[in-house]
C-alpha cells in the first residue's frame, strides 16, 4: 500500500511538471492571438449621442471583412472619451445582436 501511495504521488508530481509548461505556453499564445485580432484603423467621426464611431479600417479577419470605412456601434460609450477624428487606433469588433460592434479600442503605438 505504501508503494502504491508513493507511486501515485510521484506520478502526480511528474504530470504537473509536464503539463505546467504547456499551460503557460498556451496562455502566452492566447495573449499573442488577442493582440493579433486587433485591426488598424483611423477615427473618421464620433457620434457620442448615439454611441457610434466611424472608422477607416483594414481587414477585420474574425468578421471576414475587407478594409473599408464604416460606422460601428460601441459596446461601451466611454470608449469615445479619449478619441477624436484623425486618431490612429487598433480595435476589435464583433457582430453582436446583428450590429457590428467595437468591443475594444486603443490608441495605436
PDB file of N, CA and C in Angstrom:
ATOM      1  N   UNK A   1       0.827  -1.192   0.000  1.00  0.00           N
ATOM      2  CA  UNK A   1       0.000   0.000   0.000  1.00  0.00           C
ATOM      3  C   UNK A   1       0.867   1.251   0.000  1.00  0.00           C
ATOM      4  N   UNK A   2       1.947   1.215   0.799  1.00  0.00           N
ATOM      5  CA  UNK A   2       2.841   2.351   0.872  1.00  0.00           C
ATOM      6  C   UNK A   2       3.499   2.595  -0.488  1.00  0.00           C
ATOM      7  N   UNK A   3       3.849   1.529  -1.191  1.00  0.00           N
ATOM      8  CA  UNK A   3       4.474   1.645  -2.509  1.00  0.00           C
ATOM      9  C   UNK A   3       3.498   2.271  -3.505  1.00  0.00           C
ATOM     10  N   UNK A   4       2.245   1.876  -3.468  1.00  0.00           N
ATOM     11  CA  UNK A   4       1.229   2.426  -4.358  1.00  0.00           C
ATOM     12  C   UNK A   4       1.040   3.918  -4.098  1.00  0.00           C
ATOM     13  N   UNK A   5       1.029   4.304  -2.832  1.00  0.00           N
ATOM     14  CA  UNK A   5       0.858   5.706  -2.470  1.00  0.00           C
ATOM     15  C   UNK A   5       2.053   6.525  -2.972  1.00  0.00           C
ATOM     16  N   UNK A   6       3.265   6.000  -2.814  1.00  0.00           N
ATOM     17  CA  UNK A   6       4.477   6.695  -3.262  1.00  0.00           C
ATOM     18  C   UNK A   6       4.448   6.839  -4.787  1.00  0.00           C
ATOM     19  N   UNK A   7       4.031   5.776  -5.476  1.00  0.00           N
ATOM     20  CA  UNK A   7       3.953   5.807  -6.933  1.00  0.00           C
ATOM     21  C   UNK A   7       2.940   6.864  -7.387  1.00  0.00           C
ATOM     22  N   UNK A   8       1.801   6.951  -6.730  1.00  0.00           N
ATOM     23  CA  UNK A   8       0.757   7.909  -7.083  1.00  0.00           C
ATOM     24  C   UNK A   8       1.256   9.341  -6.898  1.00  0.00           C
ATOM     25  N   UNK A   9       1.941   9.600  -5.798  1.00  0.00           N
ATOM     26  CA  UNK A   9       2.471  10.942  -5.536  1.00  0.00           C
ATOM     27  C   UNK A   9       3.528  11.296  -6.585  1.00  0.00           C
ATOM     28  N   UNK A  10       4.414  10.351  -6.886  1.00  0.00           N
ATOM     29  CA  UNK A  10       5.460  10.601  -7.879  1.00  0.00           C
ATOM     30  C   UNK A  10       4.858  10.840  -9.265  1.00  0.00           C
ATOM     31  N   UNK A  11       3.850  10.072  -9.633  1.00  0.00           N
ATOM     32  CA  UNK A  11       3.203  10.230 -10.936  1.00  0.00           C
ATOM     33  C   UNK A  11       2.502  11.584 -11.024  1.00  0.00           C
ATOM     34  N   UNK A  12       1.830  11.995  -9.965  1.00  0.00           N
ATOM     35  CA  UNK A  12       1.144  13.286  -9.951  1.00  0.00           C
ATOM     36  C   UNK A  12       2.146  14.430 -10.080  1.00  0.00           C
ATOM     37  N   UNK A  13       3.267  14.331  -9.381  1.00  0.00           N
ATOM     38  CA  UNK A  13       4.294  15.371  -9.449  1.00  0.00           C
ATOM     39  C   UNK A  13       4.880  15.450 -10.860  1.00  0.00           C
ATOM     40  N   UNK A  14       5.158  14.308 -11.460  1.00  0.00           N
ATOM     41  CA  UNK A  14       5.727  14.292 -12.811  1.00  0.00           C
ATOM     42  C   UNK A  14       4.737  14.871 -13.817  1.00  0.00           C
ATOM     43  N   UNK A  15       3.484  14.544 -13.673  1.00  0.00           N
ATOM     44  CA  UNK A  15       2.460  15.046 -14.584  1.00  0.00           C
ATOM     45  C   UNK A  15       2.310  16.559 -14.454  1.00  0.00           C
ATOM     46  N   UNK A  16       2.332  17.075 -13.232  1.00  0.00           N
ATOM     47  CA  UNK A  16       2.177  18.521 -13.055  1.00  0.00           C
ATOM     48  C   UNK A  16       3.353  19.271 -13.658  1.00  0.00           C
ATOM     49  N   UNK A  17       4.548  18.723 -13.576  1.00  0.00           N
ATOM     50  CA  UNK A  17       5.727  19.353 -14.172  1.00  0.00           C
ATOM     51  C   UNK A  17       5.609  19.315 -15.692  1.00  0.00           C
ATOM     52  N   UNK A  18       5.112  18.225 -16.233  1.00  0.00           N
ATOM     53  CA  UNK A  18       4.988  18.084 -17.683  1.00  0.00           C
ATOM     54  C   UNK A  18       3.882  18.977 -18.242  1.00  0.00           C
ATOM     55  N   UNK A  19       2.804  19.152 -17.513  1.00  0.00           N
ATOM     56  CA  UNK A  19       1.668  19.915 -18.016  1.00  0.00           C
ATOM     57  C   UNK A  19       1.855  21.415 -17.819  1.00  0.00           C
ATOM     58  N   UNK A  20       2.504  21.832 -16.773  1.00  0.00           N
ATOM     59  CA  UNK A  20       2.640  23.263 -16.472  1.00  0.00           C
ATOM     60  C   UNK A  20       3.235  24.063 -17.622  1.00  0.00           C
ATOM     61  N   UNK A  21       4.349  23.628 -18.237  1.00  0.00           N
ATOM     62  CA  UNK A  21       4.874  24.417 -19.353  1.00  0.00           C
ATOM     63  C   UNK A  21       3.885  24.528 -20.503  1.00  0.00           C
ATOM     64  N   UNK A  22       3.100  23.488 -20.715  1.00  0.00           N
ATOM     65  CA  UNK A  22       2.104  23.551 -21.781  1.00  0.00           C
ATOM     66  C   UNK A  22       1.050  24.603 -21.472  1.00  0.00           C
ATOM     67  N   UNK A  23       0.604  24.616 -20.231  1.00  0.00           N
ATOM     68  CA  UNK A  23      -0.413  25.586 -19.836  1.00  0.00           C
ATOM     69  C   UNK A  23       0.130  27.010 -19.961  1.00  0.00           C
ATOM     70  N   UNK A  24       1.360  27.232 -19.491  1.00  0.00           N
ATOM     71  CA  UNK A  24       1.951  28.570 -19.602  1.00  0.00           C
ATOM     72  C   UNK A  24       2.162  28.943 -21.056  1.00  0.00           C
ATOM     73  N   UNK A  25       2.604  28.013 -21.857  1.00  0.00           N
ATOM     74  CA  UNK A  25       2.810  28.288 -23.276  1.00  0.00           C
ATOM     75  C   UNK A  25       1.522  28.663 -23.963  1.00  0.00           C
ATOM     76  N   UNK A  26       0.448  27.978 -23.633  1.00  0.00           N
ATOM     77  CA  UNK A  26      -0.845  28.278 -24.233  1.00  0.00           C
ATOM     78  C   UNK A  26      -1.333  29.652 -23.816  1.00  0.00           C
ATOM     79  N   UNK A  27      -1.110  30.007 -22.549  1.00  0.00           N
ATOM     80  CA  UNK A  27      -1.534  31.329 -22.082  1.00  0.00           C
ATOM     81  C   UNK A  27      -0.815  32.411 -22.879  1.00  0.00           C
ATOM     82  N   UNK A  28       0.454  32.218 -23.144  1.00  0.00           N
ATOM     83  CA  UNK A  28       1.213  33.181 -23.936  1.00  0.00           C
ATOM     84  C   UNK A  28       0.689  33.285 -25.352  1.00  0.00           C
ATOM     85  N   UNK A  29       0.313  32.156 -25.935  1.00  0.00           N
ATOM     86  CA  UNK A  29      -0.229  32.152 -27.297  1.00  0.00           C
ATOM     87  C   UNK A  29      -1.560  32.884 -27.337  1.00  0.00           C
ATOM     88  N   UNK A  30      -2.406  32.676 -26.307  1.00  0.00           N
ATOM     89  CA  UNK A  30      -3.693  33.351 -26.274  1.00  0.00           C
ATOM     90  C   UNK A  30      -3.513  34.858 -26.234  1.00  0.00           C
ATOM     91  N   UNK A  31      -2.540  35.333 -25.455  1.00  0.00           N
ATOM     92  CA  UNK A  31      -2.292  36.760 -25.360  1.00  0.00           C
ATOM     93  C   UNK A  31      -1.823  37.300 -26.706  1.00  0.00           C
ATOM     94  N   UNK A  32      -0.927  36.569 -27.358  1.00  0.00           N
ATOM     95  CA  UNK A  32      -0.440  36.976 -28.674  1.00  0.00           C
ATOM     96  C   UNK A  32      -1.572  36.960 -29.686  1.00  0.00           C
ATOM     97  N   UNK A  33      -2.400  35.950 -29.633  1.00  0.00           N
ATOM     98  CA  UNK A  33      -3.530  35.856 -30.557  1.00  0.00           C
ATOM     99  C   UNK A  33      -4.478  37.026 -30.348  1.00  0.00           C
ATOM    100  N   UNK A  34      -4.716  37.394 -29.105  1.00  0.00           N
ATOM    101  CA  UNK A  34      -5.610  38.512 -28.820  1.00  0.00           C
ATOM    102  C   UNK A  34      -5.062  39.803 -29.409  1.00  0.00           C
ATOM    103  N   UNK A  35      -3.763  40.013 -29.298  1.00  0.00           N
ATOM    104  CA  UNK A  35      -3.152  41.212 -29.857  1.00  0.00           C
ATOM    105  C   UNK A  35      -3.260  41.206 -31.380  1.00  0.00           C
ATOM    106  N   UNK A  36      -3.118  40.058 -31.989  1.00  0.00           N
ATOM    107  CA  UNK A  36      -3.185  39.985 -33.444  1.00  0.00           C
ATOM    108  C   UNK A  36      -4.620  40.104 -33.962  1.00  0.00           C
ATOM    109  N   UNK A  37      -5.610  39.944 -33.116  1.00  0.00           N
ATOM    110  CA  UNK A  37      -7.004  40.103 -33.513  1.00  0.00           C
ATOM    111  C   UNK A  37      -7.386  41.571 -33.670  1.00  0.00           C
ATOM    112  N   UNK A  38      -6.538  42.464 -33.199  1.00  0.00           N
ATOM    113  CA  UNK A  38      -6.812  43.891 -33.287  1.00  0.00           C
ATOM    114  C   UNK A  38      -6.574  44.358 -34.731  1.00  0.00           C
ATOM    115  N   UNK A  39      -7.405  45.280 -35.176  1.00  0.00           N
ATOM    116  CA  UNK A  39      -7.342  45.808 -36.533  1.00  0.00           C
ATOM    117  C   UNK A  39      -6.923  47.273 -36.506  1.00  0.00           C
ATOM    118  N   UNK A  40      -6.027  47.665 -37.401  1.00  0.00           N
ATOM    119  CA  UNK A  40      -5.603  49.053 -37.509  1.00  0.00           C
ATOM    120  C   UNK A  40      -6.713  49.884 -38.137  1.00  0.00           C
ATOM    121  N   UNK A  41      -6.855  51.123 -37.644  1.00  0.00           N
ATOM    122  CA  UNK A  41      -7.900  51.999 -38.185  1.00  0.00           C
ATOM    123  C   UNK A  41      -7.574  53.459 -37.901  1.00  0.00           C
ATOM    124  N   UNK A  42      -8.327  54.316 -38.568  1.00  0.00           N
ATOM    125  CA  UNK A  42      -8.273  55.750 -38.302  1.00  0.00           C
ATOM    126  C   UNK A  42      -9.684  56.208 -37.954  1.00  0.00           C
ATOM    127  N   UNK A  43      -9.803  56.969 -36.885  1.00  0.00           N
ATOM    128  CA  UNK A  43     -11.108  57.503 -36.480  1.00  0.00           C
ATOM    129  C   UNK A  43     -11.495  58.593 -37.475  1.00  0.00           C
ATOM    130  N   UNK A  44     -12.664  58.471 -38.073  1.00  0.00           N
ATOM    131  CA  UNK A  44     -13.157  59.465 -39.021  1.00  0.00           C
ATOM    132  C   UNK A  44     -14.221  60.365 -38.396  1.00  0.00           C
ATOM    133  N   UNK A  45     -15.094  59.772 -37.572  1.00  0.00           N
ATOM    134  CA  UNK A  45     -16.189  60.546 -36.976  1.00  0.00           C
ATOM    135  C   UNK A  45     -16.588  59.899 -35.660  1.00  0.00           C
ATOM    136  N   UNK A  46     -17.018  60.729 -34.716  1.00  0.00           N
ATOM    137  CA  UNK A  46     -17.500  60.243 -33.422  1.00  0.00           C
ATOM    138  C   UNK A  46     -18.910  60.785 -33.207  1.00  0.00           C
ATOM    139  N   UNK A  47     -19.826  59.903 -32.835  1.00  0.00           N
ATOM    140  CA  UNK A  47     -21.207  60.277 -32.539  1.00  0.00           C
ATOM    141  C   UNK A  47     -21.511  59.827 -31.114  1.00  0.00           C
ATOM    142  N   UNK A  48     -21.173  60.695 -30.152  1.00  0.00           N
ATOM    143  CA  UNK A  48     -21.353  60.333 -28.734  1.00  0.00           C
ATOM    144  C   UNK A  48     -22.825  60.142 -28.379  1.00  0.00           C
ATOM    145  N   UNK A  49     -23.704  60.933 -28.967  1.00  0.00           N
ATOM    146  CA  UNK A  49     -25.131  60.841 -28.635  1.00  0.00           C
ATOM    147  C   UNK A  49     -25.712  59.465 -28.946  1.00  0.00           C
ATOM    148  N   UNK A  50     -25.201  58.822 -30.000  1.00  0.00           N
ATOM    149  CA  UNK A  50     -25.725  57.514 -30.409  1.00  0.00           C
ATOM    150  C   UNK A  50     -24.745  56.367 -30.169  1.00  0.00           C
ATOM    151  N   UNK A  51     -23.635  56.643 -29.465  1.00  0.00           N
ATOM    152  CA  UNK A  51     -22.605  55.632 -29.164  1.00  0.00           C
ATOM    153  C   UNK A  51     -22.119  54.936 -30.431  1.00  0.00           C
ATOM    154  N   UNK A  52     -21.742  55.760 -31.429  1.00  0.00           N
ATOM    155  CA  UNK A  52     -21.255  55.220 -32.699  1.00  0.00           C
ATOM    156  C   UNK A  52     -19.922  55.874 -33.059  1.00  0.00           C
ATOM    157  N   UNK A  53     -19.126  55.133 -33.824  1.00  0.00           N
ATOM    158  CA  UNK A  53     -17.855  55.633 -34.303  1.00  0.00           C
ATOM    159  C   UNK A  53     -17.683  55.208 -35.758  1.00  0.00           C
ATOM    160  N   UNK A  54     -17.172  56.119 -36.574  1.00  0.00           N
ATOM    161  CA  UNK A  54     -16.868  55.795 -37.967  1.00  0.00           C
ATOM    162  C   UNK A  54     -15.365  55.572 -38.061  1.00  0.00           C
ATOM    163  N   UNK A  55     -14.992  54.403 -38.561  1.00  0.00           N
ATOM    164  CA  UNK A  55     -13.584  54.024 -38.678  1.00  0.00           C
ATOM    165  C   UNK A  55     -13.240  53.671 -40.113  1.00  0.00           C
ATOM    166  N   UNK A  56     -12.089  54.144 -40.560  1.00  0.00           N
ATOM    167  CA  UNK A  56     -11.499  53.674 -41.816  1.00  0.00           C
ATOM    168  C   UNK A  56     -10.536  52.579 -41.371  1.00  0.00           C
ATOM    169  N   UNK A  57     -10.876  51.330 -41.684  1.00  0.00           N
ATOM    170  CA  UNK A  57     -10.144  50.204 -41.108  1.00  0.00           C
ATOM    171  C   UNK A  57      -9.564  49.266 -42.150  1.00  0.00           C
ATOM    172  N   UNK A  58      -8.587  48.491 -41.704  1.00  0.00           N
ATOM    173  CA  UNK A  58      -8.036  47.421 -42.522  1.00  0.00           C
ATOM    174  C   UNK A  58      -8.928  46.200 -42.417  1.00  0.00           C
ATOM    175  N   UNK A  59      -8.449  45.095 -42.941  1.00  0.00           N
ATOM    176  CA  UNK A  59      -9.203  43.839 -42.924  1.00  0.00           C
ATOM    177  C   UNK A  59      -9.506  43.419 -41.484  1.00  0.00           C
ATOM    178  N   UNK A  60     -10.756  43.050 -41.231  1.00  0.00           N
ATOM    179  CA  UNK A  60     -11.160  42.512 -39.928  1.00  0.00           C
ATOM    180  C   UNK A  60     -11.300  41.009 -40.118  1.00  0.00           C
ATOM    181  N   UNK A  61     -10.262  40.281 -39.728  1.00  0.00           N
ATOM    182  CA  UNK A  61     -10.184  38.843 -40.017  1.00  0.00           C
ATOM    183  C   UNK A  61     -11.289  38.035 -39.350  1.00  0.00           C
ATOM    184  N   UNK A  62     -11.594  38.314 -38.074  1.00  0.00           N
ATOM    185  CA  UNK A  62     -12.602  37.499 -37.393  1.00  0.00           C
ATOM    186  C   UNK A  62     -14.006  37.707 -37.952  1.00  0.00           C
ATOM    187  N   UNK A  63     -14.218  38.785 -38.697  1.00  0.00           N
ATOM    188  CA  UNK A  63     -15.519  39.027 -39.337  1.00  0.00           C
ATOM    189  C   UNK A  63     -15.472  38.766 -40.834  1.00  0.00           C
ATOM    190  N   UNK A  64     -14.296  38.343 -41.334  1.00  0.00           N
ATOM    191  CA  UNK A  64     -14.098  38.096 -42.761  1.00  0.00           C
ATOM    192  C   UNK A  64     -14.538  39.313 -43.577  1.00  0.00           C
ATOM    193  N   UNK A  65     -14.046  40.501 -43.138  1.00  0.00           N
ATOM    194  CA  UNK A  65     -14.457  41.760 -43.747  1.00  0.00           C
ATOM    195  C   UNK A  65     -13.231  42.479 -44.321  1.00  0.00           C
ATOM    196  N   UNK A  66     -13.321  42.930 -45.575  1.00  0.00           N
ATOM    197  CA  UNK A  66     -12.193  43.680 -46.145  1.00  0.00           C
ATOM    198  C   UNK A  66     -12.117  45.082 -45.536  1.00  0.00           C
ATOM    199  N   UNK A  67     -11.009  45.752 -45.793  1.00  0.00           N
ATOM    200  CA  UNK A  67     -10.859  47.122 -45.325  1.00  0.00           C
ATOM    201  C   UNK A  67     -11.877  48.038 -45.979  1.00  0.00           C
ATOM    202  N   UNK A  68     -12.362  49.015 -45.224  1.00  0.00           N
ATOM    203  CA  UNK A  68     -13.344  49.986 -45.713  1.00  0.00           C
ATOM    204  C   UNK A  68     -13.559  51.052 -44.644  1.00  0.00           C
ATOM    205  N   UNK A  69     -14.422  51.988 -44.913  1.00  0.00           N
ATOM    206  CA  UNK A  69     -14.842  52.966 -43.914  1.00  0.00           C
ATOM    207  C   UNK A  69     -16.286  52.660 -43.571  1.00  0.00           C
ATOM    208  N   UNK A  70     -16.549  52.505 -42.271  1.00  0.00           N
ATOM    209  CA  UNK A  70     -17.920  52.185 -41.865  1.00  0.00           C
ATOM    210  C   UNK A  70     -18.199  52.636 -40.439  1.00  0.00           C
ATOM    211  N   UNK A  71     -19.464  52.636 -40.085  1.00  0.00           N
ATOM    212  CA  UNK A  71     -19.928  53.035 -38.761  1.00  0.00           C
ATOM    213  C   UNK A  71     -20.091  51.785 -37.900  1.00  0.00           C
ATOM    214  N   UNK A  72     -19.620  51.869 -36.669  1.00  0.00           N
ATOM    215  CA  UNK A  72     -19.747  50.780 -35.696  1.00  0.00           C
ATOM    216  C   UNK A  72     -20.494  51.276 -34.471  1.00  0.00           C
ATOM    217  N   UNK A  73     -21.240  50.371 -33.847  1.00  0.00           N
ATOM    218  CA  UNK A  73     -21.771  50.600 -32.509  1.00  0.00           C
ATOM    219  C   UNK A  73     -20.616  50.423 -31.530  1.00  0.00           C
ATOM    220  N   UNK A  74     -20.782  50.877 -30.313  1.00  0.00           N
ATOM    221  CA  UNK A  74     -19.774  50.669 -29.276  1.00  0.00           C
ATOM    222  C   UNK A  74     -20.363  49.876 -28.128  1.00  0.00           C
ATOM    223  N   UNK A  75     -19.610  48.905 -27.644  1.00  0.00           N
ATOM    224  CA  UNK A  75     -20.058  48.107 -26.503  1.00  0.00           C
ATOM    225  C   UNK A  75     -20.160  48.995 -25.267  1.00  0.00           C
ATOM    226  N   UNK A  76     -19.246  49.965 -25.162  1.00  0.00           N
ATOM    227  CA  UNK A  76     -19.217  50.876 -24.023  1.00  0.00           C
ATOM    228  C   UNK A  76     -18.975  52.287 -24.548  1.00  0.00           C
ATOM    229  N   UNK A  77     -19.928  53.188 -24.364  1.00  0.00           N
ATOM    230  CA  UNK A  77     -19.817  54.554 -24.878  1.00  0.00           C
ATOM    231  C   UNK A  77     -18.624  55.297 -24.297  1.00  0.00           C
ATOM    232  N   UNK A  78     -18.145  54.884 -23.135  1.00  0.00           N
ATOM    233  CA  UNK A  78     -16.983  55.533 -22.516  1.00  0.00           C
ATOM    234  C   UNK A  78     -15.729  55.377 -23.368  1.00  0.00           C
ATOM    235  N   UNK A  79     -15.723  54.429 -24.300  1.00  0.00           N
ATOM    236  CA  UNK A  79     -14.579  54.247 -25.199  1.00  0.00           C
ATOM    237  C   UNK A  79     -14.309  55.511 -26.014  1.00  0.00           C
ATOM    238  N   UNK A  80     -15.327  56.330 -26.219  1.00  0.00           N
ATOM    239  CA  UNK A  80     -15.195  57.526 -27.041  1.00  0.00           C
ATOM    240  C   UNK A  80     -14.539  58.689 -26.307  1.00  0.00           C
ATOM    241  N   UNK A  81     -14.463  58.637 -25.002  1.00  0.00           N
ATOM    242  CA  UNK A  81     -13.999  59.770 -24.205  1.00  0.00           C
ATOM    243  C   UNK A  81     -12.608  60.279 -24.565  1.00  0.00           C
ATOM    244  N   UNK A  82     -11.722  59.391 -24.968  1.00  0.00           N
ATOM    245  CA  UNK A  82     -10.336  59.800 -25.236  1.00  0.00           C
ATOM    246  C   UNK A  82      -9.997  59.807 -26.726  1.00  0.00           C
ATOM    247  N   UNK A  83     -11.006  59.718 -27.579  1.00  0.00           N
ATOM    248  CA  UNK A  83     -10.758  59.650 -29.020  1.00  0.00           C
ATOM    249  C   UNK A  83     -11.247  60.898 -29.736  1.00  0.00           C
ATOM    250  N   UNK A  84     -10.596  61.187 -30.875  1.00  0.00           N
ATOM    251  CA  UNK A  84     -11.026  62.300 -31.719  1.00  0.00           C
ATOM    252  C   UNK A  84     -10.769  61.923 -33.177  1.00  0.00           C
ATOM    253  N   UNK A  85     -11.475  62.553 -34.108  1.00  0.00           N
ATOM    254  CA  UNK A  85     -11.226  62.266 -35.515  1.00  0.00           C
ATOM    255  C   UNK A  85      -9.748  62.470 -35.867  1.00  0.00           C
ATOM    256  N   UNK A  86      -9.224  61.538 -36.666  1.00  0.00           N
ATOM    257  CA  UNK A  86      -7.822  61.585 -37.063  1.00  0.00           C
ATOM    258  C   UNK A  86      -6.925  60.676 -36.235  1.00  0.00           C
ATOM    259  N   UNK A  87      -7.387  60.236 -35.061  1.00  0.00           N
ATOM    260  CA  UNK A  87      -6.584  59.338 -34.217  1.00  0.00           C
ATOM    261  C   UNK A  87      -6.357  58.009 -34.914  1.00  0.00           C
ATOM    262  N   UNK A  88      -5.155  57.481 -34.790  1.00  0.00           N
ATOM    263  CA  UNK A  88      -4.822  56.137 -35.271  1.00  0.00           C
ATOM    264  C   UNK A  88      -5.071  55.192 -34.103  1.00  0.00           C
ATOM    265  N   UNK A  89      -5.847  54.135 -34.351  1.00  0.00           N
ATOM    266  CA  UNK A  89      -6.234  53.206 -33.291  1.00  0.00           C
ATOM    267  C   UNK A  89      -6.089  51.758 -33.737  1.00  0.00           C
ATOM    268  N   UNK A  90      -6.193  50.870 -32.781  1.00  0.00           N
ATOM    269  CA  UNK A  90      -6.344  49.435 -33.005  1.00  0.00           C
ATOM    270  C   UNK A  90      -7.639  49.069 -32.298  1.00  0.00           C
ATOM    271  N   UNK A  91      -8.440  48.218 -32.948  1.00  0.00           N
ATOM    272  CA  UNK A  91      -9.724  47.868 -32.348  1.00  0.00           C
ATOM    273  C   UNK A  91     -10.088  46.421 -32.630  1.00  0.00           C
ATOM    274  N   UNK A  92     -11.028  45.936 -31.847  1.00  0.00           N
ATOM    275  CA  UNK A  92     -11.599  44.609 -32.048  1.00  0.00           C
ATOM    276  C   UNK A  92     -13.093  44.802 -32.203  1.00  0.00           C
ATOM    277  N   UNK A  93     -13.664  44.140 -33.194  1.00  0.00           N
ATOM    278  CA  UNK A  93     -15.103  44.243 -33.439  1.00  0.00           C
ATOM    279  C   UNK A  93     -15.710  42.853 -33.531  1.00  0.00           C
ATOM    280  N   UNK A  94     -16.970  42.778 -33.146  1.00  0.00           N
ATOM    281  CA  UNK A  94     -17.739  41.538 -33.227  1.00  0.00           C
ATOM    282  C   UNK A  94     -19.139  41.887 -33.714  1.00  0.00           C
ATOM    283  N   UNK A  95     -19.841  40.886 -34.209  1.00  0.00           N
ATOM    284  CA  UNK A  95     -21.236  41.090 -34.593  1.00  0.00           C
ATOM    285  C   UNK A  95     -22.085  40.676 -33.401  1.00  0.00           C
ATOM    286  N   UNK A  96     -22.677  41.658 -32.737  1.00  0.00           N
ATOM    287  CA  UNK A  96     -23.490  41.419 -31.545  1.00  0.00           C
ATOM    288  C   UNK A  96     -24.923  41.880 -31.799  1.00  0.00           C
ATOM    289  N   UNK A  97     -25.853  40.984 -31.654  1.00  0.00           N
ATOM    290  CA  UNK A  97     -27.254  41.331 -31.863  1.00  0.00           C
ATOM    291  C   UNK A  97     -27.526  41.892 -33.250  1.00  0.00           C
ATOM    292  N   UNK A  98     -26.778  41.421 -34.248  1.00  0.00           N
ATOM    293  CA  UNK A  98     -26.977  41.857 -35.622  1.00  0.00           C
ATOM    294  C   UNK A  98     -26.237  43.135 -36.000  1.00  0.00           C
ATOM    295  N   UNK A  99     -25.546  43.758 -35.039  1.00  0.00           N
ATOM    296  CA  UNK A  99     -24.825  45.008 -35.331  1.00  0.00           C
ATOM    297  C   UNK A  99     -23.323  44.805 -35.161  1.00  0.00           C
ATOM    298  N   UNK A 100     -22.551  45.401 -36.055  1.00  0.00           N
ATOM    299  CA  UNK A 100     -21.102  45.366 -35.911  1.00  0.00           C
ATOM    300  C   UNK A 100     -20.736  46.316 -34.774  1.00  0.00           C
ATOM    301  N   UNK A 101     -20.077  45.753 -33.765  1.00  0.00           N
ATOM    302  CA  UNK A 101     -19.833  46.473 -32.517  1.00  0.00           C
ATOM    303  C   UNK A 101     -18.368  46.445 -32.138  1.00  0.00           C
ATOM    304  N   UNK A 102     -17.816  47.605 -31.799  1.00  0.00           N
ATOM    305  CA  UNK A 102     -16.450  47.702 -31.297  1.00  0.00           C
ATOM    306  C   UNK A 102     -16.487  47.252 -29.844  1.00  0.00           C
ATOM    307  N   UNK A 103     -15.707  46.200 -29.549  1.00  0.00           N
ATOM    308  CA  UNK A 103     -15.673  45.668 -28.185  1.00  0.00           C
ATOM    309  C   UNK A 103     -14.412  46.086 -27.432  1.00  0.00           C
ATOM    310  N   UNK A 104     -13.390  46.559 -28.164  1.00  0.00           N
ATOM    311  CA  UNK A 104     -12.157  47.054 -27.553  1.00  0.00           C
ATOM    312  C   UNK A 104     -11.501  48.024 -28.526  1.00  0.00           C
ATOM    313  N   UNK A 105     -10.914  49.086 -27.983  1.00  0.00           N
ATOM    314  CA  UNK A 105     -10.211  50.055 -28.828  1.00  0.00           C
ATOM    315  C   UNK A 105      -9.107  50.696 -28.016  1.00  0.00           C
ATOM    316  N   UNK A 106      -7.976  50.931 -28.674  1.00  0.00           N
ATOM    317  CA  UNK A 106      -6.844  51.569 -28.009  1.00  0.00           C
ATOM    318  C   UNK A 106      -6.076  52.399 -29.019  1.00  0.00           C
ATOM    319  N   UNK A 107      -5.323  53.354 -28.531  1.00  0.00           N
ATOM    320  CA  UNK A 107      -4.501  54.179 -29.410  1.00  0.00           C
ATOM    321  C   UNK A 107      -3.414  53.304 -30.008  1.00  0.00           C
ATOM    322  N   UNK A 108      -3.135  53.489 -31.292  1.00  0.00           N
ATOM    323  CA  UNK A 108      -2.053  52.731 -31.952  1.00  0.00           C
ATOM    324  C   UNK A 108      -0.731  53.282 -31.460  1.00  0.00           C
ATOM    325  N   UNK A 109       0.254  52.396 -31.395  1.00  0.00           N
ATOM    326  CA  UNK A 109       1.577  52.814 -30.916  1.00  0.00           C
ATOM    327  C   UNK A 109       2.494  53.088 -32.070  1.00  0.00           C
TER     328      UNK A 109
END
